[in-house]
Protein backbone atom coordinates (compact mmCIF):
# COMPACT_ATOMS: atom_id res chain seq x y z
CA UNK A 1 -36.75 27.80 49.84
CA UNK A 2 -34.50 26.60 47.01
CA UNK A 3 -34.93 26.96 43.26
CA UNK A 4 -33.82 24.42 40.68
CA UNK A 5 -33.59 24.96 36.92
CA UNK A 6 -33.56 22.09 34.48
CA UNK A 7 -31.40 22.55 31.36
CA UNK A 8 -32.82 19.60 29.45
CA UNK A 9 -35.55 19.34 26.81
CA UNK A 10 -34.26 22.50 24.93
CA UNK A 11 -34.67 24.74 28.00
CA UNK A 12 -30.93 25.40 28.26
CA UNK A 13 -30.67 26.15 24.55
CA UNK A 14 -33.68 28.54 24.47
CA UNK A 15 -32.74 31.07 27.18
CA UNK A 16 -29.98 32.39 29.43
CA UNK A 17 -30.43 30.06 32.36
CA UNK A 18 -27.45 31.61 34.12
CA UNK A 19 -29.14 35.01 34.18
CA UNK A 20 -32.41 33.32 35.09
CA UNK A 21 -30.76 31.56 38.01
CA UNK A 22 -29.72 34.82 39.63
CA UNK A 23 -33.31 36.07 39.75
CA UNK A 24 -34.17 34.53 43.18
CA UNK A 25 -31.11 36.12 44.88
CA UNK A 26 -32.56 39.64 45.23
CA UNK A 27 -35.60 38.78 47.32
CA UNK A 28 -35.17 35.18 48.36
CA UNK A 29 -31.47 35.18 49.24
CA UNK A 30 -30.40 32.19 47.09
CA UNK A 31 -29.37 31.44 43.54
CA UNK A 32 -30.99 28.69 41.57
CA UNK A 33 -29.22 25.42 41.12
CA UNK A 34 -29.06 24.26 37.44
CA UNK A 35 -29.01 20.63 36.40
CA UNK A 36 -28.99 18.87 32.99
CA UNK A 37 -32.01 16.69 33.85
CA UNK A 38 -33.77 17.31 37.13
CA UNK A 39 -36.18 14.39 36.50
CA UNK A 40 -33.29 11.89 36.38
CA UNK A 41 -31.76 10.09 39.33
CA UNK A 42 -28.95 12.60 39.81
CA UNK A 43 -31.28 15.57 39.60
CA UNK A 44 -33.69 14.12 42.11
CA UNK A 45 -30.79 13.25 44.44
CA UNK A 46 -29.71 16.88 44.33
CA UNK A 47 -33.18 17.99 45.53
CA UNK A 48 -33.46 15.24 48.13
CA UNK A 49 -30.06 16.03 49.69
CA UNK A 50 -31.11 19.66 50.09
CA UNK A 51 -34.39 18.56 51.71
CA UNK A 52 -32.42 16.39 54.12
CA UNK A 53 -30.35 19.46 54.92
CA UNK A 54 -33.42 21.46 55.80
CA UNK A 55 -35.05 22.75 52.62
CA UNK A 56 -38.85 22.55 52.94
CA UNK A 57 -39.87 24.43 49.78
CA UNK A 58 -38.63 23.51 46.32
CA UNK A 59 -39.28 25.69 43.26
CA UNK A 60 -38.68 23.40 40.23
CA UNK A 61 -38.36 25.33 36.97
CA UNK A 62 -38.53 22.58 34.36
CA UNK A 63 -41.39 20.83 32.55
CA UNK A 64 -45.15 20.95 32.92
CA UNK A 65 -46.57 20.22 36.39
CA UNK A 66 -48.81 17.67 34.63
CA UNK A 67 -45.89 15.27 34.21
CA UNK A 68 -43.58 13.49 36.64
CA UNK A 69 -45.84 14.30 39.59
CA UNK A 70 -44.63 11.16 41.37
CA UNK A 71 -40.95 12.00 40.90
CA UNK A 72 -41.30 15.50 42.19
CA UNK A 73 -43.27 14.52 45.27
CA UNK A 74 -41.17 14.66 48.42
CA UNK A 75 -43.75 14.15 51.16
CA UNK A 76 -46.45 16.21 52.79
CA UNK A 77 -44.02 18.40 54.70
CA UNK A 78 -42.29 19.74 51.55
CA UNK A 79 -43.92 22.47 49.45
CA UNK A 80 -43.22 21.97 45.71
CA UNK A 81 -43.95 24.68 43.17
CA UNK A 82 -43.55 23.73 39.50
CA UNK A 83 -42.61 26.42 36.99
CA UNK A 84 -43.29 25.38 33.42
CA UNK A 85 -40.32 26.57 31.36
CA UNK A 86 -40.53 23.76 28.79
CA UNK A 87 -44.09 23.76 27.33
CA UNK A 88 -44.93 27.38 28.17
CA UNK A 89 -41.61 28.99 27.13
CA UNK A 90 -38.95 26.93 25.40
CA UNK A 91 -41.24 24.94 23.07
CA UNK A 92 -43.47 27.84 22.03
CA UNK A 93 -41.10 30.85 21.80
CA UNK A 94 -38.20 31.87 19.57
CA UNK A 95 -34.89 30.61 21.19
CA UNK A 96 -32.70 33.23 22.87
CA UNK A 97 -35.06 36.03 22.03
CA UNK A 98 -35.40 38.96 24.47
CA UNK A 99 -39.15 38.24 24.85
CA UNK A 100 -38.45 34.60 25.48
CA UNK A 101 -36.06 35.50 28.29
CA UNK A 102 -38.57 37.95 29.81
CA UNK A 103 -41.29 35.34 29.62
CA UNK A 104 -39.18 32.81 31.45
CA UNK A 105 -38.26 35.31 34.12
CA UNK A 106 -41.93 36.24 34.62
CA UNK A 107 -42.91 32.56 35.00
CA UNK A 108 -40.15 32.10 37.57
CA UNK A 109 -41.14 35.26 39.48
CA UNK A 110 -44.72 34.02 39.71
CA UNK A 111 -43.55 30.61 40.92
CA UNK A 112 -41.29 32.17 43.61
CA UNK A 113 -44.07 34.45 44.87
CA UNK A 114 -46.59 31.57 44.94
CA UNK A 115 -44.16 29.30 46.79
CA UNK A 116 -43.30 32.08 49.26
CA UNK A 117 -46.96 32.58 50.15
CA UNK A 118 -47.85 28.87 50.32
CA UNK A 119 -48.15 27.23 53.72
CA UNK A 120 -48.37 23.54 54.60
CA UNK A 121 -52.06 22.98 55.40
CA UNK A 122 -53.00 21.94 58.89
CA UNK A 123 -55.31 18.91 58.93
CA UNK A 124 -58.87 19.64 60.11
CA UNK A 125 -59.92 16.94 62.52
CA UNK A 126 -63.51 16.69 63.72
CA UNK A 127 -65.21 13.77 65.36
CA UNK A 128 -68.13 12.60 63.25
CA UNK A 129 -71.46 12.00 65.02
CA UNK A 130 -72.97 8.55 64.53
CA UNK A 131 -76.44 9.51 65.66
CA UNK A 132 -79.12 9.30 62.93
CA UNK A 133 -82.09 11.62 62.49
CA UNK A 134 -85.26 10.18 60.98
CA UNK A 135 -87.75 12.83 59.79
CA UNK A 136 -91.20 11.25 59.75
CA UNK A 137 -92.82 8.64 62.01
CA UNK A 138 -94.71 6.61 59.50
CA UNK A 139 -94.02 3.07 58.29
CA UNK A 140 -90.83 4.02 56.45
CA UNK A 141 -89.49 6.20 59.23
CA UNK A 142 -90.22 3.60 61.93
CA UNK A 143 -88.64 0.82 59.85
CA UNK A 144 -85.54 2.90 59.29
CA UNK A 145 -85.22 3.79 62.92
CA UNK A 146 -85.61 0.19 64.08
CA UNK A 147 -83.00 -1.01 61.55
CA UNK A 148 -80.53 1.70 62.59
CA UNK A 149 -81.04 1.03 66.29
CA UNK A 150 -80.60 -2.66 65.61
CA UNK A 151 -77.21 -1.84 64.11
CA UNK A 152 -76.18 -0.08 67.31
CA UNK A 153 -76.86 3.50 66.31
CA UNK A 154 -78.71 6.06 68.42
CA UNK A 155 -81.75 7.44 66.53
CA UNK A 156 -83.94 10.52 66.85
CA UNK A 157 -87.40 10.44 65.24
CA UNK A 158 -89.20 13.72 64.58
CA UNK A 159 -92.92 13.48 63.75
CA UNK A 160 -95.16 16.51 63.15
CA UNK A 161 -98.36 14.68 64.30
CA UNK A 162 -99.27 13.94 67.89
CA UNK A 163 -98.58 10.19 67.53
CA UNK A 164 -96.44 7.85 65.47
CA UNK A 165 -97.79 5.71 62.69
CA UNK A 166 -98.45 8.07 59.84
CA UNK A 167 -100.87 7.25 57.08
CA UNK A 168 -100.71 3.56 57.94
CA UNK A 169 -102.88 4.23 61.01
CA UNK A 170 -105.79 4.94 58.65
CA UNK A 171 -105.49 1.60 56.88
CA UNK A 172 -107.58 -1.35 57.96
CA UNK A 173 -105.49 -3.95 56.12
CA UNK A 174 -102.65 -4.08 53.64
CA UNK A 175 -101.98 -6.11 50.51
CA UNK A 176 -100.02 -9.31 51.04
CA UNK A 177 -96.29 -9.14 50.38
CA UNK A 178 -95.74 -12.92 50.10
CA UNK A 179 -97.54 -16.32 50.00
CA UNK A 180 -101.32 -16.50 50.38
CA UNK A 181 -102.24 -13.70 48.05
CA UNK A 182 -105.98 -14.27 48.57
CA UNK A 183 -105.95 -12.84 52.06
CA UNK A 184 -105.30 -9.24 53.20
CA UNK A 185 -102.75 -8.71 56.00
CA UNK A 186 -102.68 -6.63 59.14
CA UNK A 187 -100.67 -3.42 58.66
CA UNK A 188 -98.38 -4.18 61.60
CA UNK A 189 -98.01 -0.48 62.31
CA UNK A 190 -99.07 -0.74 65.96
CA UNK A 191 -96.35 -3.33 66.55
CA UNK A 192 -93.77 -1.08 64.89
CA UNK A 193 -94.84 1.86 67.09
CA UNK A 194 -94.55 -0.24 70.21
CA UNK A 195 -91.13 -1.53 69.17
CA UNK A 196 -89.88 2.01 68.70
CA UNK A 197 -91.27 3.19 72.04
CA UNK A 198 -89.58 0.25 73.83
CA UNK A 199 -86.20 0.76 72.12
CA UNK A 200 -83.51 2.28 74.35
CA UNK A 201 -81.66 3.60 71.30
CA UNK A 202 -84.53 5.63 69.84
CA UNK A 203 -85.67 9.07 71.04
CA UNK A 204 -89.03 10.26 69.79
CA UNK A 205 -90.29 13.82 69.33
CA UNK A 206 -93.94 14.09 68.33
CA UNK A 207 -95.86 17.34 67.55
CA UNK A 208 -92.47 18.64 66.43
CA UNK A 209 -90.97 20.14 63.28
CA UNK A 210 -87.48 20.74 61.98
CA UNK A 211 -86.65 24.43 62.31
CA UNK A 212 -83.30 24.27 60.52
CA UNK A 213 -80.45 22.01 59.53
CA UNK A 214 -76.89 23.22 58.97
CA UNK A 215 -73.41 21.69 58.71
CA UNK A 216 -72.31 18.78 56.56
CA UNK A 217 -72.51 14.99 56.39
CA UNK A 218 -71.28 13.57 59.64
CA UNK A 219 -71.84 16.88 61.42
CA UNK A 220 -75.41 18.15 60.93
CA UNK A 221 -76.67 20.61 63.54
CA UNK A 222 -80.44 20.24 63.84
CA UNK A 223 -82.81 22.73 65.49
CA UNK A 224 -86.11 21.26 66.55
CA UNK A 225 -89.29 23.17 67.25
CA UNK A 226 -91.69 21.47 69.68
CA UNK A 227 -94.70 23.66 70.52
CA UNK A 228 -92.58 26.77 70.37
CA UNK A 229 -89.71 25.33 72.39
CA UNK A 230 -86.46 24.90 70.42
CA UNK A 231 -83.83 22.29 70.94
CA UNK A 232 -80.53 21.84 69.04
CA UNK A 233 -78.59 18.61 68.66
CA UNK A 234 -76.06 17.09 66.28
CA UNK A 235 -76.44 14.03 64.04
CA UNK A 236 -74.24 12.40 61.46
CA UNK A 237 -76.90 11.32 58.91
CA UNK A 238 -80.53 12.12 58.06
CA UNK A 239 -83.26 9.80 56.75
CA UNK A 240 -86.00 11.78 55.05
CA UNK A 241 -89.23 9.79 55.48
CA UNK A 242 -91.93 12.46 55.41
CA UNK A 243 -94.48 10.37 53.53
CA UNK A 244 -96.61 11.45 50.58
CA UNK A 245 -99.40 13.81 49.61
CA UNK A 246 -102.36 12.40 47.67
CA UNK A 247 -102.74 13.62 44.13
CA UNK A 248 -105.31 16.39 43.64
CA UNK A 249 -108.21 14.28 42.24
CA UNK A 250 -110.12 17.36 41.10
CA UNK A 251 -107.81 17.33 38.09
CA UNK A 252 -109.30 13.99 37.08
CA UNK A 253 -112.88 15.12 36.36
CA UNK A 254 -112.69 13.40 32.97
CA UNK A 255 -112.67 10.14 34.95
CA UNK A 256 -115.83 11.19 36.76
CA UNK A 257 -114.30 12.39 40.01
CA UNK A 258 -116.45 15.09 41.52
CA UNK A 259 -119.30 14.22 39.12
CA UNK A 260 -120.32 10.85 40.43
CA UNK A 261 -120.46 9.96 44.15
CA UNK A 262 -119.24 6.42 43.51
CA UNK A 263 -115.96 7.60 41.94
CA UNK A 264 -113.48 7.94 44.80
CA UNK A 265 -109.73 7.93 45.34
CA UNK A 266 -107.87 5.10 47.09
CA UNK A 267 -107.35 7.34 50.10
CA UNK A 268 -111.09 8.01 50.37
CA UNK A 269 -111.77 4.33 49.84
CA UNK A 270 -109.51 3.38 52.72
CA UNK A 271 -111.19 5.93 55.00
CA UNK A 272 -114.53 4.22 54.20
């Protein structure tokens, strides 16, 4: 560790920097190095030469840490602690006052302790999982699974019912999505189910529910419950495709629902 004190920007005229510079010697076995302008080329060269000689922690008592962040950056292997003597002391306190000196010394002590207890962080490296979990085996879930598998990803589908297809299995036809709007279309759900079953990249769990999900994006740990048997696996992303619940039509009695037998919901109409 090495401490540097800037004398510029009224810092040198506002306190006894000589006395301040001796403060690190008691506990940290070095005296601070003063410089007229640490942010200038000569001041930066002073710090860089010390780093080349083996200093890996620089306590810079000068201006606010909000400024000159690029100048006082010396790489990821060097710890830099900025002590704000300019804005927090020199520019807001009476010059050469006893309290001003004490304030500067307290700021420097805090900076020294913080620097002493700071350690260079070790990078956390974890391999992200590219498998995708699709919750729900209806039209949306099957479409998502097929698209992901087509992009080269392994996919796991979890469906609570005994078979895939979801609500679309109850539909006789669907509305047309393009040209020829006078004719209804097949739902296509059976073809989607077959495509999923025949895909080598898709694993299907039916009659299953998600017990728990923990972790974070790229590393989700999923616990599956299939008829009381639990299985845990890891995925990188989750597609939530659990479908919908029909609106409670009993709340629409003002429209005649529940009063007249010929007033039905769209779900009931499809079932007919």
